């Protein structure tokens, strides 16, 4: 069975990805609704990828980290930039790779 691709973001982002063919798009109204939605999506066996607005991710960072640590391999949660990207953003993909592989692949130590 094919796993779904879902987007969680502001209305313009969700609409754009819907037109591009994502399976489901959500535009939560507030942080509480976003946290509940992310918990639901993380627990769904039918969801493979969640594309999450980086601004929304930053607004629920603590809860998002908690959700990411207790979920299984799927869904993969990928933070994507909004129209106005955050400038002082850490690399969340590096943390996910380090967790999956067990090493920091960007380290220059030999």
PDB file of N, CA and C in Angstrom:
ATOM      1  N   UNK A   1       0.837  -1.182   0.000  1.00  0.00           N
ATOM      2  CA  UNK A   1       0.000   0.000   0.000  1.00  0.00           C
ATOM      3  C   UNK A   1       0.887   1.253   0.000  1.00  0.00           C
ATOM      4  N   UNK A   2       0.569   2.188  -0.860  1.00  0.00           N
ATOM      5  CA  UNK A   2       1.310   3.437  -0.977  1.00  0.00           C
ATOM      6  C   UNK A   2       1.003   4.349   0.201  1.00  0.00           C
ATOM      7  N   UNK A   3       2.053   4.943   0.763  1.00  0.00           N
ATOM      8  CA  UNK A   3       1.882   5.876   1.874  1.00  0.00           C
ATOM      9  C   UNK A   3       1.610   7.270   1.318  1.00  0.00           C
ATOM     10  N   UNK A   4       0.826   8.031   2.059  1.00  0.00           N
ATOM     11  CA  UNK A   4       0.418   9.368   1.626  1.00  0.00           C
ATOM     12  C   UNK A   4       1.474  10.424   1.928  1.00  0.00           C
ATOM     13  N   UNK A   5       1.456  11.482   1.125  1.00  0.00           N
ATOM     14  CA  UNK A   5       2.251  12.674   1.355  1.00  0.00           C
ATOM     15  C   UNK A   5       1.283  13.763   1.806  1.00  0.00           C
ATOM     16  N   UNK A   6       1.603  14.391   2.932  1.00  0.00           N
ATOM     17  CA  UNK A   6       0.723  15.383   3.543  1.00  0.00           C
ATOM     18  C   UNK A   6       1.496  16.678   3.729  1.00  0.00           C
ATOM     19  N   UNK A   7       0.815  17.810   3.578  1.00  0.00           N
ATOM     20  CA  UNK A   7       1.435  19.105   3.836  1.00  0.00           C
ATOM     21  C   UNK A   7       0.657  19.819   4.943  1.00  0.00           C
ATOM     22  N   UNK A   8       1.420  20.474   5.839  1.00  0.00           N
ATOM     23  CA  UNK A   8       0.836  21.270   6.919  1.00  0.00           C
ATOM     24  C   UNK A   8       1.480  22.646   6.837  1.00  0.00           C
ATOM     25  N   UNK A   9       0.673  23.650   6.515  1.00  0.00           N
ATOM     26  CA  UNK A   9       1.226  24.992   6.361  1.00  0.00           C
ATOM     27  C   UNK A   9       0.137  26.036   6.251  1.00  0.00           C
ATOM     28  N   UNK A  10       0.550  27.239   5.948  1.00  0.00           N
ATOM     29  CA  UNK A  10      -0.393  28.327   5.720  1.00  0.00           C
ATOM     30  C   UNK A  10      -1.208  28.025   4.476  1.00  0.00           C
ATOM     31  N   UNK A  11      -2.286  28.779   4.297  1.00  0.00           N
ATOM     32  CA  UNK A  11      -3.223  28.512   3.207  1.00  0.00           C
ATOM     33  C   UNK A  11      -2.563  28.499   1.830  1.00  0.00           C
ATOM     34  N   UNK A  12      -1.690  29.472   1.541  1.00  0.00           N
ATOM     35  CA  UNK A  12      -1.060  29.518   0.218  1.00  0.00           C
ATOM     36  C   UNK A  12      -0.141  28.327  -0.017  1.00  0.00           C
ATOM     37  N   UNK A  13       0.574  27.912   1.010  1.00  0.00           N
ATOM     38  CA  UNK A  13       1.457  26.756   0.892  1.00  0.00           C
ATOM     39  C   UNK A  13       0.649  25.469   0.684  1.00  0.00           C
ATOM     40  N   UNK A  14      -0.393  25.304   1.468  1.00  0.00           N
ATOM     41  CA  UNK A  14      -1.226  24.110   1.342  1.00  0.00           C
ATOM     42  C   UNK A  14      -1.892  24.048  -0.024  1.00  0.00           C
ATOM     43  N   UNK A  15      -2.372  25.182  -0.509  1.00  0.00           N
ATOM     44  CA  UNK A  15      -3.002  25.222  -1.826  1.00  0.00           C
ATOM     45  C   UNK A  15      -2.001  24.863  -2.916  1.00  0.00           C
ATOM     46  N   UNK A  16      -0.806  25.435  -2.842  1.00  0.00           N
ATOM     47  CA  UNK A  16       0.220  25.142  -3.845  1.00  0.00           C
ATOM     48  C   UNK A  16       0.574  23.667  -3.908  1.00  0.00           C
ATOM     49  N   UNK A  17       0.777  23.063  -2.752  1.00  0.00           N
ATOM     50  CA  UNK A  17       1.108  21.633  -2.731  1.00  0.00           C
ATOM     51  C   UNK A  17      -0.080  20.769  -3.138  1.00  0.00           C
ATOM     52  N   UNK A  18      -1.292  21.218  -2.840  1.00  0.00           N
ATOM     53  CA  UNK A  18      -2.480  20.488  -3.291  1.00  0.00           C
ATOM     54  C   UNK A  18      -2.532  20.457  -4.813  1.00  0.00           C
ATOM     55  N   UNK A  19      -2.246  21.602  -5.426  1.00  0.00           N
ATOM     56  CA  UNK A  19      -2.219  21.668  -6.888  1.00  0.00           C
ATOM     57  C   UNK A  19      -1.097  20.815  -7.464  1.00  0.00           C
ATOM     58  N   UNK A  20      -0.021  20.640  -6.697  1.00  0.00           N
ATOM     59  CA  UNK A  20       1.107  19.820  -7.148  1.00  0.00           C
ATOM     60  C   UNK A  20       0.848  18.328  -6.954  1.00  0.00           C
ATOM     61  N   UNK A  21      -0.225  17.978  -6.220  1.00  0.00           N
ATOM     62  CA  UNK A  21      -0.604  16.578  -6.118  1.00  0.00           C
ATOM     63  C   UNK A  21      -0.404  15.888  -4.789  1.00  0.00           C
ATOM     64  N   UNK A  22      -0.142  16.635  -3.697  1.00  0.00           N
ATOM     65  CA  UNK A  22      -0.039  15.953  -2.406  1.00  0.00           C
ATOM     66  C   UNK A  22      -1.395  15.331  -2.067  1.00  0.00           C
ATOM     67  N   UNK A  23      -1.368  14.310  -1.248  1.00  0.00           N
ATOM     68  CA  UNK A  23      -2.592  13.581  -0.931  1.00  0.00           C
ATOM     69  C   UNK A  23      -3.527  14.350  -0.005  1.00  0.00           C
ATOM     70  N   UNK A  24      -2.964  15.047   0.978  1.00  0.00           N
ATOM     71  CA  UNK A  24      -3.774  15.794   1.936  1.00  0.00           C
ATOM     72  C   UNK A  24      -3.050  17.087   2.287  1.00  0.00           C
ATOM     73  N   UNK A  25      -3.823  18.145   2.561  1.00  0.00           N
ATOM     74  CA  UNK A  25      -3.243  19.434   2.958  1.00  0.00           C
ATOM     75  C   UNK A  25      -4.043  19.991   4.125  1.00  0.00           C
ATOM     76  N   UNK A  26      -3.322  20.502   5.113  1.00  0.00           N
ATOM     77  CA  UNK A  26      -3.961  21.048   6.314  1.00  0.00           C
ATOM     78  C   UNK A  26      -3.449  22.457   6.576  1.00  0.00           C
ATOM     79  N   UNK A  27      -4.340  23.313   7.069  1.00  0.00           N
ATOM     80  CA  UNK A  27      -3.984  24.670   7.478  1.00  0.00           C
ATOM     81  C   UNK A  27      -4.525  24.896   8.886  1.00  0.00           C
ATOM     82  N   UNK A  28      -3.776  24.471   9.893  1.00  0.00           N
ATOM     83  CA  UNK A  28      -4.253  24.620  11.273  1.00  0.00           C
ATOM     84  C   UNK A  28      -4.351  26.097  11.667  1.00  0.00           C
ATOM     85  N   UNK A  29      -5.314  26.396  12.556  1.00  0.00           N
ATOM     86  CA  UNK A  29      -5.576  27.775  12.971  1.00  0.00           C
ATOM     87  C   UNK A  29      -4.661  28.265  14.086  1.00  0.00           C
ATOM     88  N   UNK A  30      -4.201  27.354  14.950  1.00  0.00           N
ATOM     89  CA  UNK A  30      -3.392  27.776  16.095  1.00  0.00           C
ATOM     90  C   UNK A  30      -2.442  26.662  16.503  1.00  0.00           C
ATOM     91  N   UNK A  31      -1.609  26.941  17.502  1.00  0.00           N
ATOM     92  CA  UNK A  31      -0.607  25.961  17.937  1.00  0.00           C
ATOM     93  C   UNK A  31      -1.238  24.693  18.486  1.00  0.00           C
ATOM     94  N   UNK A  32      -2.304  24.832  19.266  1.00  0.00           N
ATOM     95  CA  UNK A  32      -2.967  23.654  19.845  1.00  0.00           C
ATOM     96  C   UNK A  32      -3.459  22.733  18.734  1.00  0.00           C
ATOM     97  N   UNK A  33      -4.125  23.305  17.742  1.00  0.00           N
ATOM     98  CA  UNK A  33      -4.645  22.509  16.633  1.00  0.00           C
ATOM     99  C   UNK A  33      -3.492  21.859  15.852  1.00  0.00           C
ATOM    100  N   UNK A  34      -2.392  22.579  15.704  1.00  0.00           N
ATOM    101  CA  UNK A  34      -1.226  22.039  14.999  1.00  0.00           C
ATOM    102  C   UNK A  34      -0.631  20.852  15.740  1.00  0.00           C
ATOM    103  N   UNK A  35      -0.487  20.976  17.047  1.00  0.00           N
ATOM    104  CA  UNK A  35       0.080  19.884  17.851  1.00  0.00           C
ATOM    105  C   UNK A  35      -0.802  18.651  17.761  1.00  0.00           C
ATOM    106  N   UNK A  36      -2.100  18.821  17.911  1.00  0.00           N
ATOM    107  CA  UNK A  36      -3.033  17.684  17.825  1.00  0.00           C
ATOM    108  C   UNK A  36      -2.962  17.026  16.444  1.00  0.00           C
ATOM    109  N   UNK A  37      -2.888  17.853  15.396  1.00  0.00           N
ATOM    110  CA  UNK A  37      -2.793  17.327  14.036  1.00  0.00           C
ATOM    111  C   UNK A  37      -1.503  16.541  13.843  1.00  0.00           C
ATOM    112  N   UNK A  38      -0.381  17.084  14.311  1.00  0.00           N
ATOM    113  CA  UNK A  38       0.898  16.401  14.154  1.00  0.00           C
ATOM    114  C   UNK A  38       0.929  15.087  14.925  1.00  0.00           C
ATOM    115  N   UNK A  39       0.333  15.049  16.105  1.00  0.00           N
ATOM    116  CA  UNK A  39       0.248  13.793  16.862  1.00  0.00           C
ATOM    117  C   UNK A  39      -0.565  12.758  16.088  1.00  0.00           C
ATOM    118  N   UNK A  40      -1.663  13.202  15.485  1.00  0.00           N
ATOM    119  CA  UNK A  40      -2.513  12.297  14.702  1.00  0.00           C
ATOM    120  C   UNK A  40      -1.759  11.771  13.476  1.00  0.00           C
ATOM    121  N   UNK A  41      -1.093  12.679  12.759  1.00  0.00           N
ATOM    122  CA  UNK A  41      -0.361  12.274  11.556  1.00  0.00           C
ATOM    123  C   UNK A  41       0.800  11.349  11.899  1.00  0.00           C
ATOM    124  N   UNK A  42       1.524  11.640  12.974  1.00  0.00           N
ATOM    125  CA  UNK A  42       2.663  10.811  13.374  1.00  0.00           C
ATOM    126  C   UNK A  42       2.235   9.405  13.758  1.00  0.00           C
ATOM    127  N   UNK A  43       1.012   9.258  14.220  1.00  0.00           N
ATOM    128  CA  UNK A  43       0.520   7.947  14.620  1.00  0.00           C
ATOM    129  C   UNK A  43      -0.191   7.188  13.517  1.00  0.00           C
ATOM    130  N   UNK A  44      -0.313   7.784  12.346  1.00  0.00           N
ATOM    131  CA  UNK A  44      -1.038   7.146  11.248  1.00  0.00           C
ATOM    132  C   UNK A  44      -0.124   6.245  10.421  1.00  0.00           C
ATOM    133  N   UNK A  45      -0.500   4.977  10.245  1.00  0.00           N
ATOM    134  CA  UNK A  45       0.328   4.068   9.446  1.00  0.00           C
ATOM    135  C   UNK A  45       0.229   4.344   7.941  1.00  0.00           C
ATOM    136  N   UNK A  46      -0.719   5.189   7.521  1.00  0.00           N
ATOM    137  CA  UNK A  46      -0.918   5.473   6.096  1.00  0.00           C
ATOM    138  C   UNK A  46      -0.125   6.673   5.596  1.00  0.00           C
ATOM    139  N   UNK A  47       0.507   7.417   6.512  1.00  0.00           N
ATOM    140  CA  UNK A  47       1.225   8.635   6.144  1.00  0.00           C
ATOM    141  C   UNK A  47       2.717   8.313   6.015  1.00  0.00           C
ATOM    142  N   UNK A  48       3.319   8.668   4.879  1.00  0.00           N
ATOM    143  CA  UNK A  48       4.743   8.429   4.665  1.00  0.00           C
ATOM    144  C   UNK A  48       5.592   9.658   4.879  1.00  0.00           C
ATOM    145  N   UNK A  49       5.082  10.823   4.430  1.00  0.00           N
ATOM    146  CA  UNK A  49       5.844  12.069   4.518  1.00  0.00           C
ATOM    147  C   UNK A  49       4.912  13.193   4.943  1.00  0.00           C
ATOM    148  N   UNK A  50       5.387  14.004   5.888  1.00  0.00           N
ATOM    149  CA  UNK A  50       4.678  15.225   6.276  1.00  0.00           C
ATOM    150  C   UNK A  50       5.587  16.390   5.936  1.00  0.00           C
ATOM    151  N   UNK A  51       5.136  17.241   5.024  1.00  0.00           N
ATOM    152  CA  UNK A  51       5.850  18.469   4.682  1.00  0.00           C
ATOM    153  C   UNK A  51       5.293  19.548   5.591  1.00  0.00           C
ATOM    154  N   UNK A  52       6.136  20.085   6.461  1.00  0.00           N
ATOM    155  CA  UNK A  52       5.697  21.012   7.496  1.00  0.00           C
ATOM    156  C   UNK A  52       6.379  22.363   7.315  1.00  0.00           C
ATOM    157  N   UNK A  53       5.588  23.416   7.323  1.00  0.00           N
ATOM    158  CA  UNK A  53       6.126  24.772   7.233  1.00  0.00           C
ATOM    159  C   UNK A  53       7.121  24.999   8.358  1.00  0.00           C
ATOM    160  N   UNK A  54       8.299  25.571   8.041  1.00  0.00           N
ATOM    161  CA  UNK A  54       9.309  25.789   9.073  1.00  0.00           C
ATOM    162  C   UNK A  54       8.835  26.783  10.128  1.00  0.00           C
ATOM    163  N   UNK A  55       8.026  27.744   9.757  1.00  0.00           N
ATOM    164  CA  UNK A  55       7.498  28.703  10.746  1.00  0.00           C
ATOM    165  C   UNK A  55       6.557  28.006  11.720  1.00  0.00           C
ATOM    166  N   UNK A  56       5.721  27.135  11.209  1.00  0.00           N
ATOM    167  CA  UNK A  56       4.825  26.372  12.080  1.00  0.00           C
ATOM    168  C   UNK A  56       5.647  25.442  12.959  1.00  0.00           C
ATOM    169  N   UNK A  57       6.659  24.816  12.373  1.00  0.00           N
ATOM    170  CA  UNK A  57       7.532  23.913  13.143  1.00  0.00           C
ATOM    171  C   UNK A  57       8.197  24.661  14.290  1.00  0.00           C
ATOM    172  N   UNK A  58       8.689  25.867  14.030  1.00  0.00           N
ATOM    173  CA  UNK A  58       9.336  26.649  15.085  1.00  0.00           C
ATOM    174  C   UNK A  58       8.357  27.023  16.192  1.00  0.00           C
ATOM    175  N   UNK A  59       7.099  27.249  15.828  1.00  0.00           N
ATOM    176  CA  UNK A  59       6.114  27.651  16.834  1.00  0.00           C
ATOM    177  C   UNK A  59       5.746  26.512  17.785  1.00  0.00           C
ATOM    178  N   UNK A  60       6.009  25.275  17.375  1.00  0.00           N
ATOM    179  CA  UNK A  60       5.695  24.111  18.227  1.00  0.00           C
ATOM    180  C   UNK A  60       6.934  23.242  18.428  1.00  0.00           C
ATOM    181  N   UNK A  61       8.123  23.830  18.413  1.00  0.00           N
ATOM    182  CA  UNK A  61       9.383  23.075  18.419  1.00  0.00           C
ATOM    183  C   UNK A  61       9.464  22.020  19.519  1.00  0.00           C
ATOM    184  N   UNK A  62       9.156  22.386  20.758  1.00  0.00           N
ATOM    185  CA  UNK A  62       9.258  21.414  21.864  1.00  0.00           C
ATOM    186  C   UNK A  62       8.374  20.201  21.621  1.00  0.00           C
ATOM    187  N   UNK A  63       7.133  20.453  21.272  1.00  0.00           N
ATOM    188  CA  UNK A  63       6.197  19.354  21.026  1.00  0.00           C
ATOM    189  C   UNK A  63       6.595  18.560  19.794  1.00  0.00           C
ATOM    190  N   UNK A  64       7.083  19.228  18.776  1.00  0.00           N
ATOM    191  CA  UNK A  64       7.503  18.543  17.558  1.00  0.00           C
ATOM    192  C   UNK A  64       8.683  17.621  17.827  1.00  0.00           C
ATOM    193  N   UNK A  65       9.632  18.073  18.632  1.00  0.00           N
ATOM    194  CA  UNK A  65      10.764  17.223  19.008  1.00  0.00           C
ATOM    195  C   UNK A  65      10.287  16.012  19.790  1.00  0.00           C
ATOM    196  N   UNK A  66       9.342  16.212  20.703  1.00  0.00           N
ATOM    197  CA  UNK A  66       8.790  15.105  21.487  1.00  0.00           C
ATOM    198  C   UNK A  66       8.090  14.099  20.570  1.00  0.00           C
ATOM    199  N   UNK A  67       7.313  14.587  19.636  1.00  0.00           N
ATOM    200  CA  UNK A  67       6.601  13.716  18.690  1.00  0.00           C
ATOM    201  C   UNK A  67       7.600  12.959  17.821  1.00  0.00           C
ATOM    202  N   UNK A  68       8.623  13.652  17.332  1.00  0.00           N
ATOM    203  CA  UNK A  68       9.617  13.027  16.451  1.00  0.00           C
ATOM    204  C   UNK A  68      10.409  11.934  17.154  1.00  0.00           C
ATOM    205  N   UNK A  69      10.688  12.125  18.440  1.00  0.00           N
ATOM    206  CA  UNK A  69      11.482  11.139  19.179  1.00  0.00           C
ATOM    207  C   UNK A  69      10.718   9.862  19.468  1.00  0.00           C
ATOM    208  N   UNK A  70       9.404   9.936  19.612  1.00  0.00           N
ATOM    209  CA  UNK A  70       8.669   8.727  19.980  1.00  0.00           C
ATOM    210  C   UNK A  70       8.015   8.003  18.803  1.00  0.00           C
ATOM    211  N   UNK A  71       8.050   8.598  17.609  1.00  0.00           N
ATOM    212  CA  UNK A  71       7.421   7.945  16.465  1.00  0.00           C
ATOM    213  C   UNK A  71       8.352   6.907  15.843  1.00  0.00           C
ATOM    214  N   UNK A  72       7.785   6.074  15.015  1.00  0.00           N
ATOM    215  CA  UNK A  72       8.560   5.071  14.285  1.00  0.00           C
ATOM    216  C   UNK A  72       9.254   5.728  13.093  1.00  0.00           C
ATOM    217  N   UNK A  73       9.697   4.936  12.135  1.00  0.00           N
ATOM    218  CA  UNK A  73      10.400   5.447  10.962  1.00  0.00           C
ATOM    219  C   UNK A  73       9.506   6.375  10.131  1.00  0.00           C
ATOM    220  N   UNK A  74       8.244   6.007   9.983  1.00  0.00           N
ATOM    221  CA  UNK A  74       7.302   6.823   9.214  1.00  0.00           C
ATOM    222  C   UNK A  74       6.274   7.420  10.143  1.00  0.00           C
ATOM    223  N   UNK A  75       5.767   8.577   9.861  1.00  0.00           N
ATOM    224  CA  UNK A  75       6.099   9.400   8.705  1.00  0.00           C
ATOM    225  C   UNK A  75       7.377  10.187   8.919  1.00  0.00           C
ATOM    226  N   UNK A  76       8.026  10.490   7.813  1.00  0.00           N
ATOM    227  CA  UNK A  76       9.185  11.371   7.836  1.00  0.00           C
ATOM    228  C   UNK A  76       8.638  12.793   7.852  1.00  0.00           C
ATOM    229  N   UNK A  77       9.084  13.596   8.807  1.00  0.00           N
ATOM    230  CA  UNK A  77       8.632  14.981   8.904  1.00  0.00           C
ATOM    231  C   UNK A  77       9.727  15.874   8.340  1.00  0.00           C
ATOM    232  N   UNK A  78       9.405  16.590   7.273  1.00  0.00           N
ATOM    233  CA  UNK A  78      10.374  17.448   6.598  1.00  0.00           C
ATOM    234  C   UNK A  78       9.908  18.892   6.720  1.00  0.00           C
ATOM    235  N   UNK A  79      10.765  19.713   7.298  1.00  0.00           N
ATOM    236  CA  UNK A  79      10.451  21.134   7.428  1.00  0.00           C
ATOM    237  C   UNK A  79      10.879  21.850   6.157  1.00  0.00           C
ATOM    238  N   UNK A  80       9.954  22.615   5.586  1.00  0.00           N
ATOM    239  CA  UNK A  80      10.261  23.336   4.353  1.00  0.00           C
ATOM    240  C   UNK A  80      10.082  24.835   4.567  1.00  0.00           C
ATOM    241  N   UNK A  81      10.891  25.641   3.895  1.00  0.00           N
ATOM    242  CA  UNK A  81      10.822  27.093   4.078  1.00  0.00           C
ATOM    243  C   UNK A  81       9.495  27.678   3.597  1.00  0.00           C
ATOM    244  N   UNK A  82       9.086  28.737   4.262  1.00  0.00           N
ATOM    245  CA  UNK A  82       7.923  29.505   3.834  1.00  0.00           C
ATOM    246  C   UNK A  82       8.369  30.527   2.795  1.00  0.00           C
ATOM    247  N   UNK A  83       7.451  31.394   2.397  1.00  0.00           N
ATOM    248  CA  UNK A  83       7.819  32.466   1.461  1.00  0.00           C
ATOM    249  C   UNK A  83       8.918  33.339   2.044  1.00  0.00           C
ATOM    250  N   UNK A  84       8.842  33.600   3.339  1.00  0.00           N
ATOM    251  CA  UNK A  84       9.862  34.372   4.047  1.00  0.00           C
ATOM    252  C   UNK A  84      10.618  33.424   4.965  1.00  0.00           C
ATOM    253  N   UNK A  85      11.705  32.800   4.478  1.00  0.00           N
ATOM    254  CA  UNK A  85      12.409  31.790   5.282  1.00  0.00           C
ATOM    255  C   UNK A  85      13.051  32.375   6.534  1.00  0.00           C
ATOM    256  N   UNK A  86      13.167  31.545   7.553  1.00  0.00           N
ATOM    257  CA  UNK A  86      13.857  31.940   8.777  1.00  0.00           C
ATOM    258  C   UNK A  86      15.348  31.986   8.486  1.00  0.00           C
ATOM    259  N   UNK A  87      16.049  32.975   9.047  1.00  0.00           N
ATOM    260  CA  UNK A  87      17.470  33.118   8.736  1.00  0.00           C
ATOM    261  C   UNK A  87      18.380  32.372   9.698  1.00  0.00           C
ATOM    262  N   UNK A  88      17.999  32.276  10.969  1.00  0.00           N
ATOM    263  CA  UNK A  88      18.875  31.647  11.966  1.00  0.00           C
ATOM    264  C   UNK A  88      18.437  30.216  12.271  1.00  0.00           C
ATOM    265  N   UNK A  89      18.084  29.486  11.237  1.00  0.00           N
ATOM    266  CA  UNK A  89      17.547  28.139  11.395  1.00  0.00           C
ATOM    267  C   UNK A  89      18.661  27.115  11.479  1.00  0.00           C
ATOM    268  N   UNK A  90      18.528  26.173  12.411  1.00  0.00           N
ATOM    269  CA  UNK A  90      19.454  25.043  12.489  1.00  0.00           C
ATOM    270  C   UNK A  90      19.060  24.032  11.420  1.00  0.00           C
ATOM    271  N   UNK A  91      19.938  23.114  11.119  1.00  0.00           N
ATOM    272  CA  UNK A  91      19.684  22.118  10.088  1.00  0.00           C
ATOM    273  C   UNK A  91      18.973  20.909  10.692  1.00  0.00           C
ATOM    274  N   UNK A  92      17.641  20.822  10.558  1.00  0.00           N
ATOM    275  CA  UNK A  92      16.911  19.696  11.154  1.00  0.00           C
ATOM    276  C   UNK A  92      17.183  18.374  10.435  1.00  0.00           C
ATOM    277  N   UNK A  93      17.542  18.443   9.158  1.00  0.00           N
ATOM    278  CA  UNK A  93      17.806  17.222   8.409  1.00  0.00           C
ATOM    279  C   UNK A  93      19.056  16.531   8.934  1.00  0.00           C
ATOM    280  N   UNK A  94      20.071  17.301   9.301  1.00  0.00           N
ATOM    281  CA  UNK A  94      21.302  16.734   9.850  1.00  0.00           C
ATOM    282  C   UNK A  94      20.993  15.947  11.121  1.00  0.00           C
ATOM    283  N   UNK A  95      20.133  16.479  11.980  1.00  0.00           N
ATOM    284  CA  UNK A  95      19.758  15.796  13.219  1.00  0.00           C
ATOM    285  C   UNK A  95      19.042  14.480  12.917  1.00  0.00           C
ATOM    286  N   UNK A  96      18.170  14.483  11.913  1.00  0.00           N
ATOM    287  CA  UNK A  96      17.439  13.267  11.549  1.00  0.00           C
ATOM    288  C   UNK A  96      18.374  12.210  10.969  1.00  0.00           C
ATOM    289  N   UNK A  97      19.314  12.649  10.145  1.00  0.00           N
ATOM    290  CA  UNK A  97      20.274  11.697   9.566  1.00  0.00           C
ATOM    291  C   UNK A  97      21.149  11.111  10.664  1.00  0.00           C
ATOM    292  N   UNK A  98      21.606  11.973  11.579  1.00  0.00           N
ATOM    293  CA  UNK A  98      22.444  11.494  12.686  1.00  0.00           C
ATOM    294  C   UNK A  98      21.680  10.471  13.517  1.00  0.00           C
ATOM    295  N   UNK A  99      20.383  10.713  13.757  1.00  0.00           N
ATOM    296  CA  UNK A  99      19.570   9.776  14.533  1.00  0.00           C
ATOM    297  C   UNK A  99      19.390   8.455  13.792  1.00  0.00           C
ATOM    298  N   UNK A 100      19.175   8.515  12.468  1.00  0.00           N
ATOM    299  CA  UNK A 100      18.933   7.303  11.687  1.00  0.00           C
ATOM    300  C   UNK A 100      20.203   6.493  11.465  1.00  0.00           C
ATOM    301  N   UNK A 101      21.319   7.183  11.156  1.00  0.00           N
ATOM    302  CA  UNK A 101      22.561   6.506  10.816  1.00  0.00           C
ATOM    303  C   UNK A 101      23.431   6.249  12.034  1.00  0.00           C
ATOM    304  N   UNK A 102      23.365   7.147  13.009  1.00  0.00           N
ATOM    305  CA  UNK A 102      24.149   6.981  14.211  1.00  0.00           C
ATOM    306  C   UNK A 102      25.428   7.794  14.238  1.00  0.00           C
ATOM    307  N   UNK A 103      25.706   8.524  13.146  1.00  0.00           N
ATOM    308  CA  UNK A 103      26.893   9.372  13.113  1.00  0.00           C
ATOM    309  C   UNK A 103      26.531  10.701  12.473  1.00  0.00           C
ATOM    310  N   UNK A 104      27.383  11.706  12.725  1.00  0.00           N
ATOM    311  CA  UNK A 104      27.214  13.013  12.092  1.00  0.00           C
ATOM    312  C   UNK A 104      27.939  12.984  10.760  1.00  0.00           C
ATOM    313  N   UNK A 105      27.198  12.954   9.658  1.00  0.00           N
ATOM    314  CA  UNK A 105      27.818  12.823   8.340  1.00  0.00           C
ATOM    315  C   UNK A 105      28.487  14.106   7.881  1.00  0.00           C
ATOM    316  N   UNK A 106      28.245  15.229   8.581  1.00  0.00           N
ATOM    317  CA  UNK A 106      28.876  16.489   8.189  1.00  0.00           C
ATOM    318  C   UNK A 106      30.163  16.752   8.961  1.00  0.00           C
ATOM    319  N   UNK A 107      30.490  15.878   9.904  1.00  0.00           N
ATOM    320  CA  UNK A 107      31.698  16.071  10.697  1.00  0.00           C
ATOM    321  C   UNK A 107      32.929  15.915   9.827  1.00  0.00           C
ATOM    322  N   UNK A 108      33.922  16.777  10.059  1.00  0.00           N
ATOM    323  CA  UNK A 108      35.158  16.706   9.290  1.00  0.00           C
ATOM    324  C   UNK A 108      36.236  15.897   9.986  1.00  0.00           C
ATOM    325  N   UNK A 109      35.924  15.355  11.175  1.00  0.00           N
ATOM    326  CA  UNK A 109      36.896  14.534  11.900  1.00  0.00           C
ATOM    327  C   UNK A 109      37.061  13.198  11.204  1.00  0.00           C
ATOM    328  N   UNK A 110      38.271  12.684  11.200  1.00  0.00           N
ATOM    329  CA  UNK A 110      38.549  11.393  10.563  1.00  0.00           C
ATOM    330  C   UNK A 110      38.855  10.366  11.610  1.00  0.00           C
TER     331      UNK A 110
END
